[in-house]
Amino acid sequence: MDTNFEIRHLCDCPEHLETVARWIYEEWWSDKPGHTVQTMASRLGEASYRNAVPISLVALLAGNPVGTVNLVANDNEKRPELTPWLAALLVMPEHRGRGVGSVLVRALLKEAARLGVRQLYLGTDIPEYYAKLGAAMYHEVSDDYCIMVIKTGV
């Protein structure tokens, strides 16, 4: 586990906003019409306060971003009753397997708990990863995608 990284609110290091927006766009949105890096940057820019959803966290190693995770009101328009969501957990491939993702998830859970949130939902194709962090199956949508729920500790 690499412990030489720090977790910060993206709003506290806006110089990394464009980079994080590009990562998220390329990973999940590039094949969806009407979405650009700029629209993602605008959405991430909404996470401009520490005391309300949305929240965007970034992992930094020597001042450079290596991963991100977000707390959003809803990450599944078909399930508006489920709120809030852990969304867009992403660690750059060269930094995976070093504990960055799990530290980001735990930091986001701590932030959610600070806001009084009891549980988060998340959509994933790797439920075993999130199960190790305490998430439980909420709904198996398909063979390769499920919704999970994770308690914040409040």
C-alpha atoms as a PDB file:
ATOM      1  CA  MET A   1       0.000   0.000   0.000  1.00  0.00           C
ATOM      2  CA  ASP A   2       1.337   3.405  -1.013  1.00  0.00           C
ATOM      3  CA  THR A   3       0.803   5.919   1.789  1.00  0.00           C
ATOM      4  CA  ASN A   4       2.598   8.840   0.191  1.00  0.00           C
ATOM      5  CA  PHE A   5      -0.571  10.306  -1.286  1.00  0.00           C
ATOM      6  CA  GLU A   6      -3.035  12.767   0.193  1.00  0.00           C
ATOM      7  CA  ILE A   7      -6.789  13.088  -0.271  1.00  0.00           C
ATOM      8  CA  ARG A   8      -8.160  16.576  -0.904  1.00  0.00           C
ATOM      9  CA  HIS A   9     -11.391  18.167  -1.981  1.00  0.00           C
ATOM     10  CA  LEU A  10     -11.152  18.961  -5.680  1.00  0.00           C
ATOM     11  CA  CYS A  11     -12.529  22.439  -4.940  1.00  0.00           C
ATOM     12  CA  ASP A  12      -9.369  23.073  -2.893  1.00  0.00           C
ATOM     13  CA  CYS A  13      -7.102  22.270  -5.849  1.00  0.00           C
ATOM     14  CA  PRO A  14      -8.958  23.605  -8.911  1.00  0.00           C
ATOM     15  CA  GLU A  15      -5.822  23.313 -11.027  1.00  0.00           C
ATOM     16  CA  HIS A  16      -6.670  19.586 -11.289  1.00  0.00           C
ATOM     17  CA  LEU A  17     -10.317  20.045 -12.305  1.00  0.00           C
ATOM     18  CA  GLU A  18      -9.687  19.705 -16.052  1.00  0.00           C
ATOM     19  CA  THR A  19      -7.561  16.570 -15.567  1.00  0.00           C
ATOM     20  CA  VAL A  20     -10.166  14.843 -13.400  1.00  0.00           C
ATOM     21  CA  ALA A  21     -12.944  15.887 -15.794  1.00  0.00           C
ATOM     22  CA  ARG A  22     -11.001  14.368 -18.713  1.00  0.00           C
ATOM     23  CA  TRP A  23     -10.469  11.108 -16.820  1.00  0.00           C
ATOM     24  CA  ILE A  24     -14.166  10.729 -16.006  1.00  0.00           C
ATOM     25  CA  TYR A  25     -15.248  11.741 -19.500  1.00  0.00           C
ATOM     26  CA  GLU A  26     -12.871   9.267 -21.161  1.00  0.00           C
ATOM     27  CA  GLU A  27     -13.804   6.427 -18.800  1.00  0.00           C
ATOM     28  CA  TRP A  28     -17.605   6.724 -18.842  1.00  0.00           C
ATOM     29  CA  TRP A  29     -18.955   9.503 -21.072  1.00  0.00           C
ATOM     30  CA  SER A  30     -16.982   9.720 -24.334  1.00  0.00           C
ATOM     31  CA  ASP A  31     -19.434   7.499 -26.222  1.00  0.00           C
ATOM     32  CA  LYS A  32     -22.519   9.433 -25.093  1.00  0.00           C
ATOM     33  CA  PRO A  33     -23.684  12.230 -27.410  1.00  0.00           C
ATOM     34  CA  GLY A  34     -23.787  15.717 -25.971  1.00  0.00           C
ATOM     35  CA  HIS A  35     -21.090  15.151 -23.376  1.00  0.00           C
ATOM     36  CA  THR A  36     -17.660  16.748 -23.462  1.00  0.00           C
ATOM     37  CA  VAL A  37     -14.756  17.218 -21.089  1.00  0.00           C
ATOM     38  CA  GLN A  38     -16.105  20.730 -20.530  1.00  0.00           C
ATOM     39  CA  THR A  39     -19.567  19.497 -19.506  1.00  0.00           C
ATOM     40  CA  MET A  40     -17.918  17.106 -17.056  1.00  0.00           C
ATOM     41  CA  ALA A  41     -15.731  19.930 -15.711  1.00  0.00           C
ATOM     42  CA  SER A  42     -18.865  21.999 -15.209  1.00  0.00           C
ATOM     43  CA  ARG A  43     -20.503  19.169 -13.257  1.00  0.00           C
ATOM     44  CA  LEU A  44     -17.403  18.682 -11.125  1.00  0.00           C
ATOM     45  CA  GLY A  45     -17.316  22.428 -10.546  1.00  0.00           C
ATOM     46  CA  GLU A  46     -20.655  22.099  -8.759  1.00  0.00           C
ATOM     47  CA  ALA A  47     -18.749  20.360  -5.950  1.00  0.00           C
ATOM     48  CA  SER A  48     -17.563  23.723  -4.714  1.00  0.00           C
ATOM     49  CA  TYR A  49     -18.534  23.429  -1.034  1.00  0.00           C
ATOM     50  CA  ARG A  50     -17.341  21.022   1.627  1.00  0.00           C
ATOM     51  CA  ASN A  51     -20.680  20.964   3.440  1.00  0.00           C
ATOM     52  CA  ALA A  52     -23.115  19.796   0.766  1.00  0.00           C
ATOM     53  CA  VAL A  53     -23.566  17.207  -1.948  1.00  0.00           C
ATOM     54  CA  PRO A  54     -21.935  17.024  -4.481  1.00  0.00           C
ATOM     55  CA  ILE A  55     -18.428  16.442  -3.176  1.00  0.00           C
ATOM     56  CA  SER A  56     -15.449  15.541  -5.326  1.00  0.00           C
ATOM     57  CA  LEU A  57     -12.264  14.148  -3.808  1.00  0.00           C
ATOM     58  CA  VAL A  58      -8.905  13.715  -5.498  1.00  0.00           C
ATOM     59  CA  ALA A  59      -5.880  11.643  -4.482  1.00  0.00           C
ATOM     60  CA  LEU A  60      -2.578  13.448  -4.990  1.00  0.00           C
ATOM     61  CA  LEU A  61       0.886  11.942  -5.141  1.00  0.00           C
ATOM     62  CA  ALA A  62       3.687  14.502  -5.038  1.00  0.00           C
ATOM     63  CA  GLY A  63       1.066  17.114  -5.917  1.00  0.00           C
ATOM     64  CA  ASN A  64      -0.157  15.235  -8.998  1.00  0.00           C
ATOM     65  CA  PRO A  65      -3.640  13.697  -9.241  1.00  0.00           C
ATOM     66  CA  VAL A  66      -3.717   9.889  -9.320  1.00  0.00           C
ATOM     67  CA  GLY A  67      -7.366   9.139  -8.508  1.00  0.00           C
ATOM     68  CA  THR A  68     -10.801  10.530  -7.759  1.00  0.00           C
ATOM     69  CA  VAL A  69     -14.192   9.696  -6.258  1.00  0.00           C
ATOM     70  CA  ASN A  70     -17.435  11.639  -5.984  1.00  0.00           C
ATOM     71  CA  LEU A  71     -20.518  11.936  -3.821  1.00  0.00           C
ATOM     72  CA  VAL A  72     -23.496  12.874  -5.994  1.00  0.00           C
ATOM     73  CA  ALA A  73     -27.225  13.115  -5.354  1.00  0.00           C
ATOM     74  CA  ASN A  74     -28.055  10.572  -8.045  1.00  0.00           C
ATOM     75  CA  ASP A  75     -26.028   8.478 -10.464  1.00  0.00           C
ATOM     76  CA  ASN A  76     -28.932   6.502 -11.921  1.00  0.00           C
ATOM     77  CA  GLU A  77     -31.832   8.431 -13.432  1.00  0.00           C
ATOM     78  CA  LYS A  78     -33.958   5.256 -13.454  1.00  0.00           C
ATOM     79  CA  ARG A  79     -33.746   5.094  -9.656  1.00  0.00           C
ATOM     80  CA  PRO A  80     -34.299   8.654  -8.357  1.00  0.00           C
ATOM     81  CA  GLU A  81     -35.374   7.323  -4.953  1.00  0.00           C
ATOM     82  CA  LEU A  82     -31.849   6.067  -4.281  1.00  0.00           C
ATOM     83  CA  THR A  83     -29.690   8.873  -2.940  1.00  0.00           C
ATOM     84  CA  PRO A  84     -26.866   9.793  -2.542  1.00  0.00           C
ATOM     85  CA  TRP A  85     -24.360   7.874  -4.634  1.00  0.00           C
ATOM     86  CA  LEU A  86     -20.670   7.099  -4.568  1.00  0.00           C
ATOM     87  CA  ALA A  87     -19.750   7.765  -8.197  1.00  0.00           C
ATOM     88  CA  ALA A  88     -16.806   7.789 -10.576  1.00  0.00           C
ATOM     89  CA  LEU A  89     -14.188   6.050  -8.442  1.00  0.00           C
ATOM     90  CA  LEU A  90     -11.194   6.062 -10.730  1.00  0.00           C
ATOM     91  CA  VAL A  91      -7.507   5.445 -10.095  1.00  0.00           C
ATOM     92  CA  MET A  92      -5.013   5.860 -12.893  1.00  0.00           C
ATOM     93  CA  PRO A  93      -3.838   2.422 -14.076  1.00  0.00           C
ATOM     94  CA  GLU A  94      -0.210   2.950 -13.049  1.00  0.00           C
ATOM     95  CA  HIS A  95      -1.325   3.615  -9.443  1.00  0.00           C
ATOM     96  CA  ARG A  96      -3.799   0.752  -9.034  1.00  0.00           C
ATOM     97  CA  GLY A  97      -3.163  -1.961  -6.475  1.00  0.00           C
ATOM     98  CA  ARG A  98      -1.584   0.495  -4.022  1.00  0.00           C
ATOM     99  CA  GLY A  99      -4.633   1.191  -1.873  1.00  0.00           C
ATOM    100  CA  VAL A 100      -5.524   4.537  -3.463  1.00  0.00           C
ATOM    101  CA  GLY A 101      -9.061   3.472  -4.365  1.00  0.00           C
ATOM    102  CA  SER A 102      -9.902   2.068  -0.949  1.00  0.00           C
ATOM    103  CA  VAL A 103      -8.528   5.179   0.778  1.00  0.00           C
ATOM    104  CA  LEU A 104     -10.627   7.356  -1.559  1.00  0.00           C
ATOM    105  CA  VAL A 105     -13.776   5.329  -0.776  1.00  0.00           C
ATOM    106  CA  ARG A 106     -13.141   5.502   2.988  1.00  0.00           C
ATOM    107  CA  ALA A 107     -12.504   9.248   2.773  1.00  0.00           C
ATOM    108  CA  LEU A 108     -15.761   9.722   0.861  1.00  0.00           C
ATOM    109  CA  LEU A 109     -17.664   7.640   3.429  1.00  0.00           C
ATOM    110  CA  LYS A 110     -16.203   9.844   6.171  1.00  0.00           C
ATOM    111  CA  GLU A 111     -17.274  12.985   4.297  1.00  0.00           C
ATOM    112  CA  ALA A 112     -20.780  11.589   3.782  1.00  0.00           C
ATOM    113  CA  ALA A 113     -21.028  10.676   7.476  1.00  0.00           C
ATOM    114  CA  ARG A 114     -19.927  14.209   8.387  1.00  0.00           C
ATOM    115  CA  LEU A 115     -22.895  15.458   6.347  1.00  0.00           C
ATOM    116  CA  GLY A 116     -25.231  13.105   8.236  1.00  0.00           C
ATOM    117  CA  VAL A 117     -25.625  10.607   5.392  1.00  0.00           C
ATOM    118  CA  ARG A 118     -26.186   7.058   6.667  1.00  0.00           C
ATOM    119  CA  GLN A 119     -25.616   5.094   3.456  1.00  0.00           C
ATOM    120  CA  LEU A 120     -24.546   5.497  -0.151  1.00  0.00           C
ATOM    121  CA  TYR A 121     -25.479   3.630  -3.290  1.00  0.00           C
ATOM    122  CA  LEU A 122     -23.102   2.731  -6.090  1.00  0.00           C
ATOM    123  CA  GLY A 123     -23.277   1.011  -9.437  1.00  0.00           C
ATOM    124  CA  THR A 124     -20.493  -1.361 -10.388  1.00  0.00           C
ATOM    125  CA  ASP A 125     -19.301  -4.258 -12.473  1.00  0.00           C
ATOM    126  CA  ILE A 126     -16.773  -5.235  -9.767  1.00  0.00           C
ATOM    127  CA  PRO A 127     -18.918  -5.965  -6.680  1.00  0.00           C
ATOM    128  CA  GLU A 128     -16.187  -8.027  -5.040  1.00  0.00           C
ATOM    129  CA  TYR A 129     -14.001  -4.899  -4.769  1.00  0.00           C
ATOM    130  CA  TYR A 130     -16.687  -2.899  -2.980  1.00  0.00           C
ATOM    131  CA  ALA A 131     -17.736  -5.875  -0.824  1.00  0.00           C
ATOM    132  CA  LYS A 132     -14.219  -5.827   0.672  1.00  0.00           C
ATOM    133  CA  LEU A 133     -14.935  -2.217   1.682  1.00  0.00           C
ATOM    134  CA  GLY A 134     -18.224  -3.120   3.356  1.00  0.00           C
ATOM    135  CA  ALA A 135     -20.738  -2.712   0.527  1.00  0.00           C
ATOM    136  CA  ALA A 136     -23.653  -5.120   0.203  1.00  0.00           C
ATOM    137  CA  MET A 137     -25.673  -6.145  -2.826  1.00  0.00           C
ATOM    138  CA  TYR A 138     -28.779  -4.001  -3.279  1.00  0.00           C
ATOM    139  CA  HIS A 139     -29.918  -5.078  -6.755  1.00  0.00           C
ATOM    140  CA  GLU A 140     -28.337  -7.220  -9.459  1.00  0.00           C
ATOM    141  CA  VAL A 141     -29.276  -5.347 -12.620  1.00  0.00           C
ATOM    142  CA  SER A 142     -27.573  -7.732 -15.061  1.00  0.00           C
ATOM    143  CA  ASP A 143     -24.850 -10.367 -15.154  1.00  0.00           C
ATOM    144  CA  ASP A 144     -22.202  -7.664 -15.298  1.00  0.00           C
ATOM    145  CA  TYR A 145     -23.706  -4.728 -13.378  1.00  0.00           C
ATOM    146  CA  CYS A 146     -25.211  -4.313  -9.937  1.00  0.00           C
ATOM    147  CA  ILE A 147     -26.221  -1.653  -7.471  1.00  0.00           C
ATOM    148  CA  MET A 148     -24.695  -1.893  -4.026  1.00  0.00           C
ATOM    149  CA  VAL A 149     -25.267  -0.042  -0.761  1.00  0.00           C
ATOM    150  CA  ILE A 150     -22.581   0.901   1.736  1.00  0.00           C
ATOM    151  CA  LYS A 151     -23.042   2.278   5.257  1.00  0.00           C
ATOM    152  CA  THR A 152     -21.139   5.380   6.310  1.00  0.00           C
ATOM    153  CA  GLY A 153     -20.961   4.602  10.011  1.00  0.00           C
ATOM    154  CA  VAL A 154     -23.347   7.336  11.150  1.00  0.00           C
END
